[in-house]
């Protein structure tokens, strides 16, 4: 019985970790990829514009 109680936590954590990895892999690409890429591109463009705006005002 001690063996079972010693093995349950690592097996449980391994199962959760495998589930997490599978979820991450499944969420990559697919229909949401273009949507996510668009959101990131928009955020990067805004950050770049905000960074360049003070330079334009200094001139």
N, C-alpha and C. Protein backbone atom coordinates (compact mmCIF):
# COMPACT_ATOMS: atom_id res chain seq x y z
N UNK A 1 0.82 -1.20 0.00
CA UNK A 1 0.00 0.00 0.00
C UNK A 1 0.86 1.26 0.00
N UNK A 2 2.02 1.19 0.62
CA UNK A 2 2.92 2.34 0.63
C UNK A 2 3.43 2.66 -0.77
N UNK A 3 3.59 1.61 -1.58
CA UNK A 3 4.06 1.83 -2.94
C UNK A 3 3.02 2.61 -3.73
N UNK A 4 1.76 2.25 -3.56
CA UNK A 4 0.69 2.94 -4.27
C UNK A 4 0.62 4.40 -3.85
N UNK A 5 0.68 4.67 -2.56
CA UNK A 5 0.60 6.05 -2.08
C UNK A 5 1.83 6.85 -2.49
N UNK A 6 2.96 6.19 -2.71
CA UNK A 6 4.16 6.89 -3.16
C UNK A 6 4.11 7.18 -4.66
N UNK A 7 3.42 6.35 -5.43
CA UNK A 7 3.38 6.52 -6.87
C UNK A 7 2.24 7.40 -7.36
N UNK A 8 1.19 7.57 -6.59
CA UNK A 8 0.03 8.33 -7.04
C UNK A 8 0.37 9.79 -7.37
N UNK A 9 1.03 10.54 -6.50
CA UNK A 9 1.32 11.95 -6.84
C UNK A 9 2.15 12.13 -8.11
N UNK A 10 3.24 11.38 -8.33
CA UNK A 10 3.99 11.57 -9.57
C UNK A 10 3.19 11.18 -10.82
N UNK A 11 2.41 10.14 -10.72
CA UNK A 11 1.60 9.72 -11.87
C UNK A 11 0.55 10.77 -12.17
N UNK A 12 -0.07 11.31 -11.13
CA UNK A 12 -1.08 12.35 -11.30
C UNK A 12 -0.47 13.60 -11.94
N UNK A 13 0.69 14.02 -11.46
CA UNK A 13 1.35 15.20 -12.01
C UNK A 13 1.80 14.95 -13.46
N UNK A 14 2.26 13.75 -13.76
CA UNK A 14 2.66 13.42 -15.13
C UNK A 14 1.45 13.49 -16.06
N UNK A 15 0.31 12.98 -15.61
CA UNK A 15 -0.90 13.02 -16.43
C UNK A 15 -1.33 14.47 -16.68
N UNK A 16 -1.27 15.31 -15.66
CA UNK A 16 -1.61 16.73 -15.84
C UNK A 16 -0.64 17.42 -16.81
N UNK A 17 0.63 17.11 -16.68
CA UNK A 17 1.63 17.72 -17.57
C UNK A 17 1.41 17.30 -19.01
N UNK A 18 1.13 16.02 -19.23
CA UNK A 18 0.86 15.54 -20.59
C UNK A 18 -0.39 16.23 -21.15
N UNK A 19 -1.41 16.37 -20.31
CA UNK A 19 -2.61 17.07 -20.75
C UNK A 19 -2.33 18.52 -21.12
N UNK A 20 -1.48 19.18 -20.36
CA UNK A 20 -1.11 20.56 -20.65
C UNK A 20 -0.37 20.66 -21.98
N UNK A 21 0.58 19.78 -22.20
CA UNK A 21 1.35 19.79 -23.45
C UNK A 21 0.43 19.52 -24.64
N UNK A 22 -0.47 18.56 -24.51
CA UNK A 22 -1.40 18.25 -25.60
C UNK A 22 -2.28 19.46 -25.90
N UNK A 23 -2.76 20.14 -24.86
CA UNK A 23 -3.59 21.32 -25.06
C UNK A 23 -2.82 22.43 -25.76
N UNK A 24 -1.59 22.66 -25.37
CA UNK A 24 -0.77 23.69 -26.01
C UNK A 24 -0.53 23.35 -27.47
N UNK A 25 -0.20 22.11 -27.75
CA UNK A 25 0.08 21.71 -29.13
C UNK A 25 -1.17 21.84 -29.99
N UNK A 26 -2.31 21.45 -29.46
CA UNK A 26 -3.56 21.53 -30.23
C UNK A 26 -3.97 22.97 -30.49
N UNK A 27 -3.63 23.88 -29.60
CA UNK A 27 -4.05 25.27 -29.77
C UNK A 27 -3.15 26.05 -30.72
N UNK A 28 -2.06 25.46 -31.14
CA UNK A 28 -1.16 26.12 -32.08
C UNK A 28 -1.68 25.94 -33.50
N UNK A 29 -1.68 27.00 -34.25
CA UNK A 29 -2.11 26.92 -35.64
C UNK A 29 -3.62 26.82 -35.75
N UNK A 30 -4.09 26.34 -36.87
CA UNK A 30 -5.52 26.16 -37.07
C UNK A 30 -6.22 27.47 -37.39
N UNK A 31 -7.51 27.48 -37.13
CA UNK A 31 -8.34 28.63 -37.49
C UNK A 31 -7.98 29.88 -36.68
N UNK A 32 -7.52 29.70 -35.47
CA UNK A 32 -7.22 30.86 -34.62
C UNK A 32 -5.85 31.47 -34.90
N UNK A 33 -5.02 30.79 -35.68
CA UNK A 33 -3.66 31.29 -35.90
C UNK A 33 -3.67 32.66 -36.58
N UNK A 34 -4.45 32.83 -37.62
CA UNK A 34 -4.50 34.12 -38.31
C UNK A 34 -5.02 35.21 -37.39
N UNK A 35 -6.01 34.88 -36.60
CA UNK A 35 -6.58 35.86 -35.66
C UNK A 35 -5.54 36.27 -34.62
N UNK A 36 -4.83 35.30 -34.06
CA UNK A 36 -3.80 35.59 -33.06
C UNK A 36 -2.65 36.38 -33.69
N UNK A 37 -2.25 36.00 -34.90
CA UNK A 37 -1.17 36.71 -35.57
C UNK A 37 -1.56 38.16 -35.85
N UNK A 38 -2.82 38.37 -36.22
CA UNK A 38 -3.30 39.73 -36.47
C UNK A 38 -3.28 40.58 -35.22
N UNK A 39 -3.64 40.00 -34.10
CA UNK A 39 -3.64 40.72 -32.83
C UNK A 39 -2.20 41.11 -32.46
N UNK A 40 -1.28 40.18 -32.62
CA UNK A 40 0.13 40.47 -32.30
C UNK A 40 0.69 41.53 -33.24
N UNK A 41 0.39 41.42 -34.53
CA UNK A 41 0.87 42.42 -35.49
C UNK A 41 0.34 43.81 -35.16
N UNK A 42 -0.93 43.90 -34.77
CA UNK A 42 -1.52 45.19 -34.40
C UNK A 42 -0.83 45.76 -33.17
N UNK A 43 -0.60 44.92 -32.17
CA UNK A 43 0.06 45.38 -30.95
C UNK A 43 1.49 45.85 -31.24
N UNK A 44 2.20 45.12 -32.08
CA UNK A 44 3.56 45.53 -32.43
C UNK A 44 3.57 46.85 -33.21
N UNK A 45 2.62 47.01 -34.11
CA UNK A 45 2.54 48.26 -34.87
C UNK A 45 2.24 49.45 -33.95
N UNK A 46 1.35 49.25 -33.00
CA UNK A 46 1.05 50.33 -32.04
C UNK A 46 2.27 50.68 -31.19
N UNK A 47 2.97 49.66 -30.75
CA UNK A 47 4.17 49.90 -29.93
C UNK A 47 5.23 50.64 -30.74
N UNK A 48 5.41 50.25 -31.98
CA UNK A 48 6.39 50.92 -32.84
C UNK A 48 5.99 52.36 -33.11
N UNK A 49 4.71 52.60 -33.35
CA UNK A 49 4.25 53.97 -33.58
C UNK A 49 4.41 54.83 -32.34
N UNK A 50 4.14 54.25 -31.18
CA UNK A 50 4.29 55.00 -29.93
C UNK A 50 5.76 55.30 -29.65
N UNK A 51 6.62 54.41 -30.06
CA UNK A 51 8.05 54.63 -29.83
C UNK A 51 8.59 55.69 -30.76
N UNK A 52 8.07 55.77 -31.98
CA UNK A 52 8.56 56.73 -32.96
C UNK A 52 7.90 58.11 -32.80
N UNK A 53 6.75 58.18 -32.17
CA UNK A 53 6.04 59.46 -32.02
C UNK A 53 6.86 60.49 -31.23
N UNK A 54 7.47 60.13 -30.11
CA UNK A 54 8.29 61.14 -29.40
C UNK A 54 9.48 61.64 -30.22
N UNK A 55 10.04 60.78 -31.06
CA UNK A 55 11.16 61.19 -31.90
C UNK A 55 10.71 62.25 -32.89
N UNK A 56 9.51 62.09 -33.44
CA UNK A 56 8.99 63.06 -34.41
C UNK A 56 8.74 64.42 -33.75
N UNK A 57 8.33 64.41 -32.50
CA UNK A 57 8.06 65.66 -31.79
C UNK A 57 9.34 66.40 -31.40
N UNK A 58 10.44 65.66 -31.22
CA UNK A 58 11.71 66.26 -30.83
C UNK A 58 12.35 67.03 -31.96
N UNK A 59 12.03 66.70 -33.20
CA UNK A 59 12.68 67.33 -34.36
C UNK A 59 12.26 68.75 -34.56
